[in-house]
Amino acid sequence: MRSRQLIIAAFISITIACVPGCMTGIGQKKSDYNYVMRGESELSNADLHRADLINARLEEANLSNANLEGADLSGANLIGANLRGASLEGANLSGAQMNGANLTWANMRGTNLRKANLSKARLVGVDLARSNLQNIRLKGAVLSKSNLAGANLKGINLNGADLMGANLSGIDLEGADLGGAELSWAVLRKANLKKANLAGARLVNSDCSNAIMIWTNFEGADLKEASLRNANLEGARMKGVDLYYADLRGANMVEANLTEVKLQNANLINTVLRDANCAKINLQGASLNNADLTNANLESANLENAEFANADLRGARIEKKWRRYLDKQKVRNYDDIRWVD
């Protein structure tokens, strides 16, 4: 009987001794710093918070859902790395190489991204509002549904970037290159886009109300159904822009180039178009009630079914064929219109 009890006790001791070893091989989280140091690339769910990973080589590593809060990844190589769902809150990624990295739904609040290279990276749904983005590189990056509200990105190259549905309220993009960028459904309320390049960009259904767009280049851009209410577009280059059904109420478009712009059914009530070049503009069905068109050039414009009630047309250049039509509209300064053949 005693020998049987000894055998059972020995078996239990061996079983208990085996458990830690079995757990290490099967279910333990990869929280050990040494995993990285050994060059392992499979680091999903790793616990590396506050880890010293300066200049670490993590190219194409799988760090999905990893905890990297407060970690120092300055100068690290994360090219092509998978950081989907990772927590990088408060992490230092200054100077990190993250070209093509996947950061979809990653937590990047308060992250230091100064001089980081995120060209062609995926940052879908990422909150970067409180991050340091000084001299960051984002050319060709996917930032759809991301939060960049209030960020300072003066002069940044976002050519061809995907910012669909992004929150860009109050962002500073003065002098930035957004040529060919996707900004449909993006929120750009009170954004500073002075002298920015948006040639060929898509801003369908975007909200640019109260935005500063002085001398901005929009040539060939698509702004169908966009809101530009009370926006400052003084001197903007908008040749060939599509503003079908756009809301431009109260916008300042003094000296803007609106040659060949499509404004069918657009709302331009109280819009200021003084000295604007509106040659060959399509205003079919648009509402320009109370608009200021002083000295505007409307040669070869399509004014069919457009409303001009109480609009100021002093010194405006308009083809004679619209004479009778405008006479019935009760416009201001009708006698001062400069009629052209």
C-alpha atoms as a PDB file:
ATOM      1  CA  MET A   1       0.000   0.000   0.000  1.00  0.00           C
ATOM      2  CA  ARG A   2       2.804   2.378   0.916  1.00  0.00           C
ATOM      3  CA  SER A   3       4.704   1.636  -2.309  1.00  0.00           C
ATOM      4  CA  ARG A   4       1.523   2.401  -4.322  1.00  0.00           C
ATOM      5  CA  GLN A   5       1.177   5.784  -2.572  1.00  0.00           C
ATOM      6  CA  LEU A   6       4.806   6.585  -3.351  1.00  0.00           C
ATOM      7  CA  ILE A   7       4.261   5.789  -7.035  1.00  0.00           C
ATOM      8  CA  ILE A   8       1.160   8.065  -7.196  1.00  0.00           C
ATOM      9  CA  ALA A   9       3.011  10.905  -5.434  1.00  0.00           C
ATOM     10  CA  ALA A  10       5.933  10.593  -7.820  1.00  0.00           C
ATOM     11  CA  PHE A  11       3.559  10.692 -10.813  1.00  0.00           C
ATOM     12  CA  ILE A  12       1.870  13.849  -9.517  1.00  0.00           C
ATOM     13  CA  SER A  13       5.264  15.518  -8.964  1.00  0.00           C
ATOM     14  CA  ILE A  14       6.382  14.694 -12.499  1.00  0.00           C
ATOM     15  CA  THR A  15       3.070  15.980 -13.947  1.00  0.00           C
ATOM     16  CA  ILE A  16       3.315  19.281 -12.048  1.00  0.00           C
ATOM     17  CA  ALA A  17       6.932  19.716 -13.097  1.00  0.00           C
ATOM     18  CA  CYS A  18       5.958  19.228 -16.757  1.00  0.00           C
ATOM     19  CA  VAL A  19       3.177  21.853 -16.798  1.00  0.00           C
ATOM     20  CA  PRO A  20       5.388  24.975 -16.954  1.00  0.00           C
ATOM     21  CA  GLY A  21       7.428  23.505 -19.787  1.00  0.00           C
ATOM     22  CA  CYS A  22       4.306  22.490 -21.705  1.00  0.00           C
ATOM     23  CA  MET A  23       2.748  25.973 -21.272  1.00  0.00           C
ATOM     24  CA  THR A  24       5.924  27.669 -22.499  1.00  0.00           C
ATOM     25  CA  GLY A  25       5.807  25.666 -25.707  1.00  0.00           C
ATOM     26  CA  ILE A  26       2.050  25.899 -26.311  1.00  0.00           C
ATOM     27  CA  GLY A  27       0.144  28.799 -24.784  1.00  0.00           C
ATOM     28  CA  GLN A  28       2.489  31.344 -23.249  1.00  0.00           C
ATOM     29  CA  LYS A  29       2.372  34.925 -24.608  1.00  0.00           C
ATOM     30  CA  LYS A  30       5.491  35.990 -26.438  1.00  0.00           C
ATOM     31  CA  SER A  31       6.347  38.675 -23.911  1.00  0.00           C
ATOM     32  CA  ASP A  32      10.031  37.899 -23.691  1.00  0.00           C
ATOM     33  CA  TYR A  33      12.396  40.542 -25.079  1.00  0.00           C
ATOM     34  CA  ASN A  34      14.701  37.741 -26.187  1.00  0.00           C
ATOM     35  CA  TYR A  35      12.261  36.648 -28.898  1.00  0.00           C
ATOM     36  CA  VAL A  36      13.055  39.852 -30.749  1.00  0.00           C
ATOM     37  CA  MET A  37      16.761  39.649 -30.023  1.00  0.00           C
ATOM     38  CA  ARG A  38      16.878  36.143 -31.492  1.00  0.00           C
ATOM     39  CA  GLY A  39      15.460  37.569 -34.729  1.00  0.00           C
ATOM     40  CA  GLU A  40      12.082  35.857 -34.541  1.00  0.00           C
ATOM     41  CA  SER A  41       9.521  37.307 -36.970  1.00  0.00           C
ATOM     42  CA  GLU A  42       6.389  35.676 -35.488  1.00  0.00           C
ATOM     43  CA  LEU A  43       5.572  38.053 -32.654  1.00  0.00           C
ATOM     44  CA  SER A  44       1.797  38.308 -32.731  1.00  0.00           C
ATOM     45  CA  ASN A  45       0.334  39.180 -29.317  1.00  0.00           C
ATOM     46  CA  ALA A  46       3.841  39.801 -27.992  1.00  0.00           C
ATOM     47  CA  ASP A  47       4.160  41.855 -24.818  1.00  0.00           C
ATOM     48  CA  LEU A  48       6.929  44.356 -25.544  1.00  0.00           C
ATOM     49  CA  HIS A  49       5.671  47.385 -23.683  1.00  0.00           C
ATOM     50  CA  ARG A  50       8.432  49.820 -22.737  1.00  0.00           C
ATOM     51  CA  ALA A  51      10.961  47.598 -24.484  1.00  0.00           C
ATOM     52  CA  ASP A  52      14.234  49.059 -25.769  1.00  0.00           C
ATOM     53  CA  LEU A  53      14.010  48.281 -29.480  1.00  0.00           C
ATOM     54  CA  ILE A  54      16.173  51.070 -30.853  1.00  0.00           C
ATOM     55  CA  ASN A  55      17.283  50.231 -34.412  1.00  0.00           C
ATOM     56  CA  ALA A  56      15.652  46.810 -34.101  1.00  0.00           C
ATOM     57  CA  ARG A  57      15.396  44.762 -37.310  1.00  0.00           C
ATOM     58  CA  LEU A  58      11.735  43.771 -37.595  1.00  0.00           C
ATOM     59  CA  GLU A  59      11.304  43.820 -41.329  1.00  0.00           C
ATOM     60  CA  GLU A  60       8.113  41.952 -42.331  1.00  0.00           C
ATOM     61  CA  ALA A  61       7.650  40.782 -38.736  1.00  0.00           C
ATOM     62  CA  ASN A  62       4.194  39.776 -37.558  1.00  0.00           C
ATOM     63  CA  LEU A  63       3.409  42.053 -34.626  1.00  0.00           C
ATOM     64  CA  SER A  64      -0.348  41.968 -34.947  1.00  0.00           C
ATOM     65  CA  ASN A  65      -2.124  42.772 -31.668  1.00  0.00           C
ATOM     66  CA  ALA A  66       1.254  43.190 -29.963  1.00  0.00           C
ATOM     67  CA  ASN A  67       1.629  45.438 -26.921  1.00  0.00           C
ATOM     68  CA  LEU A  68       4.270  48.037 -27.764  1.00  0.00           C
ATOM     69  CA  GLU A  69       3.024  50.787 -25.490  1.00  0.00           C
ATOM     70  CA  GLY A  70       5.843  53.119 -24.483  1.00  0.00           C
ATOM     71  CA  ALA A  71       8.389  51.064 -26.436  1.00  0.00           C
ATOM     72  CA  ASP A  72      11.405  52.786 -27.990  1.00  0.00           C
ATOM     73  CA  LEU A  73      11.447  51.830 -31.667  1.00  0.00           C
ATOM     74  CA  SER A  74      13.400  54.835 -32.880  1.00  0.00           C
ATOM     75  CA  GLY A  75      15.290  54.040 -36.059  1.00  0.00           C
ATOM     76  CA  ALA A  76      13.753  50.558 -36.207  1.00  0.00           C
ATOM     77  CA  ASN A  77      13.285  48.689 -39.476  1.00  0.00           C
ATOM     78  CA  LEU A  78       9.596  47.809 -39.708  1.00  0.00           C
ATOM     79  CA  ILE A  79       9.341  47.750 -43.484  1.00  0.00           C
ATOM     80  CA  GLY A  80       6.392  45.582 -44.504  1.00  0.00           C
ATOM     81  CA  ALA A  81       5.673  44.643 -40.893  1.00  0.00           C
ATOM     82  CA  ASN A  82       2.200  43.573 -39.800  1.00  0.00           C
ATOM     83  CA  LEU A  83       1.114  45.745 -36.860  1.00  0.00           C
ATOM     84  CA  ARG A  84      -2.598  45.333 -37.350  1.00  0.00           C
ATOM     85  CA  GLY A  85      -4.415  46.013 -34.069  1.00  0.00           C
ATOM     86  CA  ALA A  86      -1.164  46.616 -32.216  1.00  0.00           C
ATOM     87  CA  SER A  87      -1.020  49.078 -29.329  1.00  0.00           C
ATOM     88  CA  LEU A  88       1.685  51.687 -29.887  1.00  0.00           C
ATOM     89  CA  GLU A  89       0.351  54.312 -27.527  1.00  0.00           C
ATOM     90  CA  GLY A  90       3.164  56.575 -26.368  1.00  0.00           C
ATOM     91  CA  ALA A  91       5.750  54.634 -28.379  1.00  0.00           C
ATOM     92  CA  ASN A  92       8.785  56.318 -29.911  1.00  0.00           C
ATOM     93  CA  LEU A  93       8.965  55.604 -33.642  1.00  0.00           C
ATOM     94  CA  SER A  94      11.056  58.597 -34.625  1.00  0.00           C
ATOM     95  CA  GLY A  95      13.066  57.876 -37.749  1.00  0.00           C
ATOM     96  CA  ALA A  96      11.571  54.389 -38.067  1.00  0.00           C
ATOM     97  CA  GLN A  97      11.325  52.808 -41.523  1.00  0.00           C
ATOM     98  CA  MET A  98       7.739  51.614 -41.902  1.00  0.00           C
ATOM     99  CA  ASN A  99       7.275  51.605 -45.655  1.00  0.00           C
ATOM    100  CA  GLY A 100       4.369  49.365 -46.595  1.00  0.00           C
ATOM    101  CA  ALA A 101       3.649  48.414 -42.980  1.00  0.00           C
ATOM    102  CA  ASN A 102       0.104  47.410 -42.016  1.00  0.00           C
ATOM    103  CA  LEU A 103      -1.128  49.479 -39.068  1.00  0.00           C
ATOM    104  CA  THR A 104      -4.839  48.992 -39.597  1.00  0.00           C
ATOM    105  CA  TRP A 105      -6.804  49.829 -36.425  1.00  0.00           C
ATOM    106  CA  ALA A 106      -3.571  50.185 -34.452  1.00  0.00           C
ATOM    107  CA  ASN A 107      -3.629  52.362 -31.316  1.00  0.00           C
ATOM    108  CA  MET A 108      -1.174  55.202 -32.020  1.00  0.00           C
ATOM    109  CA  ARG A 109      -2.345  57.862 -29.611  1.00  0.00           C
ATOM    110  CA  GLY A 110       0.545  60.056 -28.508  1.00  0.00           C
ATOM    111  CA  THR A 111       3.021  58.209 -30.719  1.00  0.00           C
ATOM    112  CA  ASN A 112       6.236  59.970 -31.761  1.00  0.00           C
ATOM    113  CA  LEU A 113       6.480  59.583 -35.548  1.00  0.00           C
ATOM    114  CA  ARG A 114       8.931  62.380 -36.203  1.00  0.00           C
ATOM    115  CA  LYS A 115      10.806  61.722 -39.455  1.00  0.00           C
ATOM    116  CA  ALA A 116       9.243  58.257 -39.720  1.00  0.00           C
ATOM    117  CA  ASN A 117       8.770  56.850 -43.216  1.00  0.00           C
ATOM    118  CA  LEU A 118       5.244  55.496 -43.681  1.00  0.00           C
ATOM    119  CA  SER A 119       5.118  55.649 -47.457  1.00  0.00           C
ATOM    120  CA  LYS A 120       2.509  53.227 -48.833  1.00  0.00           C
ATOM    121  CA  ALA A 121       1.687  52.082 -45.289  1.00  0.00           C
ATOM    122  CA  ARG A 122      -1.870  51.096 -44.308  1.00  0.00           C
ATOM    123  CA  LEU A 123      -3.212  53.266 -41.487  1.00  0.00           C
ATOM    124  CA  VAL A 124      -6.924  52.515 -41.761  1.00  0.00           C
ATOM    125  CA  GLY A 125      -8.917  53.733 -38.756  1.00  0.00           C
ATOM    126  CA  VAL A 126      -5.810  54.957 -36.917  1.00  0.00           C
ATOM    127  CA  ASP A 127      -5.990  57.845 -34.433  1.00  0.00           C
ATOM    128  CA  LEU A 128      -3.040  60.173 -35.044  1.00  0.00           C
ATOM    129  CA  ALA A 129      -4.584  63.326 -33.604  1.00  0.00           C
ATOM    130  CA  ARG A 130      -2.138  63.623 -30.692  1.00  0.00           C
ATOM    131  CA  SER A 131       0.902  62.147 -32.395  1.00  0.00           C
ATOM    132  CA  ASN A 132       4.101  63.950 -33.359  1.00  0.00           C
ATOM    133  CA  LEU A 133       4.018  63.944 -37.163  1.00  0.00           C
ATOM    134  CA  GLN A 134       6.836  66.385 -37.797  1.00  0.00           C
ATOM    135  CA  ASN A 135       8.579  65.628 -41.113  1.00  0.00           C
ATOM    136  CA  ILE A 136       6.695  62.342 -41.460  1.00  0.00           C
ATOM    137  CA  ARG A 137       6.554  60.703 -44.916  1.00  0.00           C
ATOM    138  CA  LEU A 138       3.127  59.464 -46.033  1.00  0.00           C
ATOM    139  CA  LYS A 139       3.313  59.380 -49.820  1.00  0.00           C
ATOM    140  CA  GLY A 140       0.854  56.815 -51.181  1.00  0.00           C
ATOM    141  CA  ALA A 141      -0.289  55.821 -47.680  1.00  0.00           C
ATOM    142  CA  VAL A 142      -3.797  54.508 -46.996  1.00  0.00           C
ATOM    143  CA  LEU A 143      -5.330  56.683 -44.267  1.00  0.00           C
ATOM    144  CA  SER A 144      -9.012  56.023 -44.831  1.00  0.00           C
ATOM    145  CA  LYS A 145     -11.182  56.609 -41.736  1.00  0.00           C
ATOM    146  CA  SER A 146      -8.137  57.801 -39.819  1.00  0.00           C
ATOM    147  CA  ASN A 147      -8.150  60.738 -37.397  1.00  0.00           C
ATOM    148  CA  LEU A 148      -5.703  63.535 -38.199  1.00  0.00           C
ATOM    149  CA  ALA A 149      -7.743  66.360 -36.716  1.00  0.00           C
ATOM    150  CA  GLY A 150      -5.611  69.390 -35.849  1.00  0.00           C
ATOM    151  CA  ALA A 151      -2.389  67.805 -37.111  1.00  0.00           C
ATOM    152  CA  ASN A 152       0.412  69.956 -38.546  1.00  0.00           C
ATOM    153  CA  LEU A 153       1.357  68.537 -41.935  1.00  0.00           C
ATOM    154  CA  LYS A 154       2.553  71.665 -43.698  1.00  0.00           C
ATOM    155  CA  GLY A 155       4.217  70.900 -47.014  1.00  0.00           C
ATOM    156  CA  ILE A 156       3.771  67.141 -46.686  1.00  0.00           C
ATOM    157  CA  ASN A 157       3.704  64.880 -49.732  1.00  0.00           C
ATOM    158  CA  LEU A 158       0.392  62.984 -49.756  1.00  0.00           C
ATOM    159  CA  ASN A 159       0.319  62.554 -53.507  1.00  0.00           C
ATOM    160  CA  GLY A 160      -2.026  59.692 -54.359  1.00  0.00           C
ATOM    161  CA  ALA A 161      -2.817  58.997 -50.690  1.00  0.00           C
ATOM    162  CA  ASP A 162      -6.136  57.411 -49.675  1.00  0.00           C
ATOM    163  CA  LEU A 163      -7.882  59.587 -47.071  1.00  0.00           C
ATOM    164  CA  MET A 164     -11.435  58.501 -47.765  1.00  0.00           C
ATOM    165  CA  GLY A 165     -13.679  59.282 -44.788  1.00  0.00           C
ATOM    166  CA  ALA A 166     -10.751  60.625 -42.747  1.00  0.00           C
ATOM    167  CA  ASN A 167     -11.241  63.266 -40.055  1.00  0.00           C
ATOM    168  CA  LEU A 168      -9.037  66.190 -41.095  1.00  0.00           C
ATOM    169  CA  SER A 169     -10.838  68.936 -39.193  1.00  0.00           C
ATOM    170  CA  GLY A 170      -8.540  71.866 -38.442  1.00  0.00           C
ATOM    171  CA  ILE A 171      -5.556  70.152 -40.058  1.00  0.00           C
ATOM    172  CA  ASP A 172      -2.739  72.348 -41.404  1.00  0.00           C
ATOM    173  CA  LEU A 173      -1.915  71.248 -44.949  1.00  0.00           C
ATOM    174  CA  GLU A 174      -0.562  74.540 -46.227  1.00  0.00           C
ATOM    175  CA  GLY A 175       1.584  73.937 -49.290  1.00  0.00           C
ATOM    176  CA  ALA A 176       0.964  70.168 -49.117  1.00  0.00           C
ATOM    177  CA  ASP A 177       0.879  67.963 -52.217  1.00  0.00           C
ATOM    178  CA  LEU A 178      -2.424  66.058 -52.375  1.00  0.00           C
ATOM    179  CA  GLY A 179      -2.456  65.622 -56.123  1.00  0.00           C
ATOM    180  CA  GLY A 180      -4.631  62.675 -57.136  1.00  0.00           C
ATOM    181  CA  ALA A 181      -5.487  61.934 -53.494  1.00  0.00           C
ATOM    182  CA  GLU A 182      -8.751  60.232 -52.486  1.00  0.00           C
ATOM    183  CA  LEU A 183     -10.618  62.486 -50.059  1.00  0.00           C
ATOM    184  CA  SER A 184     -14.225  61.509 -50.695  1.00  0.00           C
ATOM    185  CA  TRP A 185     -16.394  61.753 -47.570  1.00  0.00           C
ATOM    186  CA  ALA A 186     -13.447  63.288 -45.698  1.00  0.00           C
ATOM    187  CA  VAL A 187     -14.086  65.998 -43.100  1.00  0.00           C
ATOM    188  CA  LEU A 188     -11.936  69.080 -43.753  1.00  0.00           C
ATOM    189  CA  ARG A 189     -13.843  71.627 -41.704  1.00  0.00           C
ATOM    190  CA  LYS A 190     -11.679  74.682 -40.916  1.00  0.00           C
ATOM    191  CA  ALA A 191      -8.667  72.974 -42.532  1.00  0.00           C
ATOM    192  CA  ASN A 192      -5.805  75.109 -43.845  1.00  0.00           C
ATOM    193  CA  LEU A 193      -5.097  74.171 -47.470  1.00  0.00           C
ATOM    194  CA  LYS A 194      -3.542  77.441 -48.532  1.00  0.00           C
ATOM    195  CA  LYS A 195      -1.428  76.969 -51.674  1.00  0.00           C
ATOM    196  CA  ALA A 196      -1.906  73.199 -51.472  1.00  0.00           C
ATOM    197  CA  ASN A 197      -1.979  71.038 -54.591  1.00  0.00           C
ATOM    198  CA  LEU A 198      -5.221  69.081 -55.032  1.00  0.00           C
ATOM    199  CA  ALA A 199      -5.072  68.734 -58.795  1.00  0.00           C
ATOM    200  CA  GLY A 200      -6.975  65.645 -59.890  1.00  0.00           C
ATOM    201  CA  ALA A 201      -7.993  64.809 -56.317  1.00  0.00           C
ATOM    202  CA  ARG A 202     -11.384  63.299 -55.444  1.00  0.00           C
ATOM    203  CA  LEU A 203     -13.408  65.135 -52.792  1.00  0.00           C
ATOM    204  CA  VAL A 204     -16.875  63.784 -53.528  1.00  0.00           C
ATOM    205  CA  ASN A 205     -19.251  64.492 -50.626  1.00  0.00           C
ATOM    206  CA  SER A 206     -16.392  65.937 -48.594  1.00  0.00           C
ATOM    207  CA  ASP A 207     -17.019  68.603 -45.952  1.00  0.00           C
ATOM    208  CA  CYS A 208     -14.725  71.581 -46.565  1.00  0.00           C
ATOM    209  CA  SER A 209     -16.888  74.176 -44.855  1.00  0.00           C
ATOM    210  CA  ASN A 210     -14.964  77.177 -43.466  1.00  0.00           C
ATOM    211  CA  ALA A 211     -11.731  75.788 -44.913  1.00  0.00           C
ATOM    212  CA  ILE A 212      -8.903  78.095 -46.016  1.00  0.00           C
ATOM    213  CA  MET A 213      -8.115  77.347 -49.659  1.00  0.00           C
ATOM    214  CA  ILE A 214      -6.439  80.555 -50.825  1.00  0.00           C
ATOM    215  CA  TRP A 215      -4.500  80.044 -54.076  1.00  0.00           C
ATOM    216  CA  THR A 216      -5.114  76.294 -53.842  1.00  0.00           C
ATOM    217  CA  ASN A 217      -4.801  74.231 -57.021  1.00  0.00           C
ATOM    218  CA  PHE A 218      -7.941  72.164 -57.679  1.00  0.00           C
ATOM    219  CA  GLU A 219      -7.573  71.794 -61.445  1.00  0.00           C
ATOM    220  CA  GLY A 220      -9.406  68.719 -62.687  1.00  0.00           C
ATOM    221  CA  ALA A 221     -10.556  67.741 -59.190  1.00  0.00           C
ATOM    222  CA  ASP A 222     -13.891  66.043 -58.462  1.00  0.00           C
ATOM    223  CA  LEU A 223     -15.930  67.865 -55.812  1.00  0.00           C
ATOM    224  CA  LYS A 224     -19.397  66.648 -56.672  1.00  0.00           C
ATOM    225  CA  GLU A 225     -21.866  67.288 -53.814  1.00  0.00           C
ATOM    226  CA  ALA A 226     -19.047  68.649 -51.644  1.00  0.00           C
ATOM    227  CA  SER A 227     -19.698  71.285 -48.991  1.00  0.00           C
ATOM    228  CA  LEU A 228     -17.564  74.410 -49.380  1.00  0.00           C
ATOM    229  CA  ARG A 229     -19.862  76.601 -47.357  1.00  0.00           C
ATOM    230  CA  ASN A 230     -18.114  79.785 -46.183  1.00  0.00           C
ATOM    231  CA  ALA A 231     -14.796  78.463 -47.495  1.00  0.00           C
ATOM    232  CA  ASN A 232     -12.102  80.935 -48.550  1.00  0.00           C
ATOM    233  CA  LEU A 233     -11.191  80.108 -52.152  1.00  0.00           C
ATOM    234  CA  GLU A 234      -9.685  83.436 -53.097  1.00  0.00           C
ATOM    235  CA  GLY A 235      -7.462  83.068 -56.139  1.00  0.00           C
ATOM    236  CA  ALA A 236      -8.030  79.305 -56.274  1.00  0.00           C
ATOM    237  CA  ARG A 237      -7.192  77.502 -59.520  1.00  0.00           C
ATOM    238  CA  MET A 238     -10.271  75.456 -60.350  1.00  0.00           C
ATOM    239  CA  LYS A 239     -10.207  74.989 -64.110  1.00  0.00           C
ATOM    240  CA  GLY A 240     -12.329  72.005 -65.141  1.00  0.00           C
ATOM    241  CA  VAL A 241     -13.407  71.162 -61.580  1.00  0.00           C
ATOM    242  CA  ASP A 242     -16.652  69.201 -61.158  1.00  0.00           C
ATOM    243  CA  LEU A 243     -18.820  70.917 -58.517  1.00  0.00           C
ATOM    244  CA  TYR A 244     -22.117  69.350 -59.495  1.00  0.00           C
ATOM    245  CA  TYR A 245     -24.665  69.906 -56.694  1.00  0.00           C
ATOM    246  CA  ALA A 246     -21.942  71.397 -54.465  1.00  0.00           C
ATOM    247  CA  ASP A 247     -22.793  73.739 -51.590  1.00  0.00           C
ATOM    248  CA  LEU A 248     -20.827  76.999 -51.950  1.00  0.00           C
ATOM    249  CA  ARG A 249     -23.044  79.272 -49.909  1.00  0.00           C
ATOM    250  CA  GLY A 250     -21.140  82.277 -48.624  1.00  0.00           C
ATOM    251  CA  ALA A 251     -17.852  81.115 -50.130  1.00  0.00           C
ATOM    252  CA  ASN A 252     -15.194  83.668 -51.048  1.00  0.00           C
ATOM    253  CA  MET A 253     -14.107  83.060 -54.649  1.00  0.00           C
ATOM    254  CA  VAL A 254     -12.608  86.457 -55.438  1.00  0.00           C
ATOM    255  CA  GLU A 255     -10.269  86.260 -58.455  1.00  0.00           C
ATOM    256  CA  ALA A 256     -10.660  82.489 -58.626  1.00  0.00           C
ATOM    257  CA  ASN A 257     -10.147  80.761 -61.973  1.00  0.00           C
ATOM    258  CA  LEU A 258     -13.398  78.896 -62.660  1.00  0.00           C
ATOM    259  CA  THR A 259     -12.880  78.310 -66.360  1.00  0.00           C
ATOM    260  CA  GLU A 260     -14.934  75.346 -67.638  1.00  0.00           C
ATOM    261  CA  VAL A 261     -16.104  74.493 -64.113  1.00  0.00           C
ATOM    262  CA  LYS A 262     -19.239  72.333 -63.813  1.00  0.00           C
ATOM    263  CA  LEU A 263     -21.649  73.884 -61.323  1.00  0.00           C
ATOM    264  CA  GLN A 264     -24.948  72.376 -62.403  1.00  0.00           C
ATOM    265  CA  ASN A 265     -27.543  72.635 -59.637  1.00  0.00           C
ATOM    266  CA  ALA A 266     -24.942  74.030 -57.249  1.00  0.00           C
ATOM    267  CA  ASN A 267     -25.842  76.361 -54.402  1.00  0.00           C
ATOM    268  CA  LEU A 268     -23.964  79.678 -54.710  1.00  0.00           C
ATOM    269  CA  ILE A 269     -26.277  81.871 -52.632  1.00  0.00           C
ATOM    270  CA  ASN A 270     -24.332  84.803 -51.142  1.00  0.00           C
ATOM    271  CA  THR A 271     -21.132  83.589 -52.824  1.00  0.00           C
ATOM    272  CA  VAL A 272     -18.545  86.264 -53.672  1.00  0.00           C
ATOM    273  CA  LEU A 273     -17.228  85.909 -57.223  1.00  0.00           C
ATOM    274  CA  ARG A 274     -15.735  89.347 -57.735  1.00  0.00           C
ATOM    275  CA  ASP A 275     -13.204  89.477 -60.583  1.00  0.00           C
ATOM    276  CA  ALA A 276     -13.480  85.702 -60.998  1.00  0.00           C
ATOM    277  CA  ASN A 277     -12.801  84.124 -64.381  1.00  0.00           C
ATOM    278  CA  CYS A 278     -15.947  82.118 -65.117  1.00  0.00           C
ATOM    279  CA  ALA A 279     -15.450  81.675 -68.861  1.00  0.00           C
ATOM    280  CA  LYS A 280     -17.257  78.592 -70.245  1.00  0.00           C
ATOM    281  CA  ILE A 281     -18.633  77.826 -66.788  1.00  0.00           C
ATOM    282  CA  ASN A 282     -21.728  75.631 -66.577  1.00  0.00           C
ATOM    283  CA  LEU A 283     -24.265  77.170 -64.176  1.00  0.00           C
ATOM    284  CA  GLN A 284     -27.275  75.279 -65.437  1.00  0.00           C
ATOM    285  CA  GLY A 285     -29.883  75.123 -62.677  1.00  0.00           C
ATOM    286  CA  ALA A 286     -27.524  76.738 -60.142  1.00  0.00           C
ATOM    287  CA  SER A 287     -28.713  79.229 -57.531  1.00  0.00           C
ATOM    288  CA  LEU A 288     -26.743  82.503 -57.393  1.00  0.00           C
ATOM    289  CA  ASN A 289     -29.251  84.590 -55.460  1.00  0.00           C
ATOM    290  CA  ASN A 290     -27.544  87.500 -53.670  1.00  0.00           C
ATOM    291  CA  ALA A 291     -24.208  86.490 -55.159  1.00  0.00           C
ATOM    292  CA  ASP A 292     -21.553  89.131 -55.897  1.00  0.00           C
ATOM    293  CA  LEU A 293     -20.372  88.790 -59.519  1.00  0.00           C
ATOM    294  CA  THR A 294     -18.848  92.257 -59.834  1.00  0.00           C
ATOM    295  CA  ASN A 295     -16.441  92.345 -62.810  1.00  0.00           C
ATOM    296  CA  ALA A 296     -16.687  88.558 -63.207  1.00  0.00           C
ATOM    297  CA  ASN A 297     -16.008  87.124 -66.662  1.00  0.00           C
ATOM    298  CA  LEU A 298     -18.968  84.971 -67.747  1.00  0.00           C
ATOM    299  CA  GLU A 299     -18.194  84.763 -71.448  1.00  0.00           C
ATOM    300  CA  SER A 300     -19.506  81.566 -73.098  1.00  0.00           C
ATOM    301  CA  ALA A 301     -21.130  80.586 -69.777  1.00  0.00           C
ATOM    302  CA  ASN A 302     -24.215  78.371 -69.632  1.00  0.00           C
ATOM    303  CA  LEU A 303     -26.799  80.231 -67.522  1.00  0.00           C
ATOM    304  CA  GLU A 304     -29.798  78.082 -68.432  1.00  0.00           C
ATOM    305  CA  ASN A 305     -32.313  77.908 -65.574  1.00  0.00           C
ATOM    306  CA  ALA A 306     -29.834  79.549 -63.195  1.00  0.00           C
ATOM    307  CA  GLU A 307     -31.245  81.899 -60.532  1.00  0.00           C
ATOM    308  CA  PHE A 308     -29.742  85.367 -60.133  1.00  0.00           C
ATOM    309  CA  ALA A 309     -32.296  87.142 -57.931  1.00  0.00           C
ATOM    310  CA  ASN A 310     -30.666  90.210 -56.338  1.00  0.00           C
ATOM    311  CA  ALA A 311     -27.229  89.144 -57.620  1.00  0.00           C
ATOM    312  CA  ASP A 312     -24.783  92.002 -58.241  1.00  0.00           C
ATOM    313  CA  LEU A 313     -23.642  91.940 -61.884  1.00  0.00           C
ATOM    314  CA  ARG A 314     -21.910  95.316 -62.033  1.00  0.00           C
ATOM    315  CA  GLY A 315     -19.198  95.184 -64.713  1.00  0.00           C
ATOM    316  CA  ALA A 316     -19.730  91.456 -65.386  1.00  0.00           C
ATOM    317  CA  ARG A 317     -18.953  90.272 -68.933  1.00  0.00           C
ATOM    318  CA  ILE A 318     -21.926  88.287 -70.251  1.00  0.00           C
ATOM    319  CA  GLU A 319     -23.054  87.305 -73.746  1.00  0.00           C
ATOM    320  CA  LYS A 320     -25.933  89.317 -75.205  1.00  0.00           C
ATOM    321  CA  LYS A 321     -28.064  86.195 -75.681  1.00  0.00           C
ATOM    322  CA  TRP A 322     -28.717  86.188 -71.891  1.00  0.00           C
ATOM    323  CA  ARG A 323     -29.864  89.799 -71.846  1.00  0.00           C
ATOM    324  CA  ARG A 324     -33.604  89.173 -71.732  1.00  0.00           C
ATOM    325  CA  TYR A 325     -33.214  86.229 -69.350  1.00  0.00           C
ATOM    326  CA  LEU A 326     -31.323  88.309 -66.794  1.00  0.00           C
ATOM    327  CA  ASP A 327     -33.658  91.264 -67.194  1.00  0.00           C
ATOM    328  CA  LYS A 328     -36.402  89.098 -65.725  1.00  0.00           C
ATOM    329  CA  GLN A 329     -34.208  87.956 -62.815  1.00  0.00           C
ATOM    330  CA  LYS A 330     -34.225  91.334 -61.019  1.00  0.00           C
ATOM    331  CA  VAL A 331     -30.467  91.446 -60.723  1.00  0.00           C
ATOM    332  CA  ARG A 332     -28.633  94.410 -59.245  1.00  0.00           C
ATOM    333  CA  ASN A 333     -26.772  96.849 -61.531  1.00  0.00           C
ATOM    334  CA  TYR A 334     -28.267  95.338 -64.681  1.00  0.00           C
ATOM    335  CA  ASP A 335     -27.425  98.528 -66.615  1.00  0.00           C
ATOM    336  CA  ASP A 336     -23.741  98.166 -65.771  1.00  0.00           C
ATOM    337  CA  ILE A 337     -23.367  94.697 -67.288  1.00  0.00           C
ATOM    338  CA  ARG A 338     -20.792  94.576 -70.085  1.00  0.00           C
ATOM    339  CA  TRP A 339     -22.530  92.732 -72.895  1.00  0.00           C
ATOM    340  CA  VAL A 340     -20.358  90.833 -75.343  1.00  0.00           C
ATOM    341  CA  ASP A 341     -21.192  89.213 -78.686  1.00  0.00           C
END
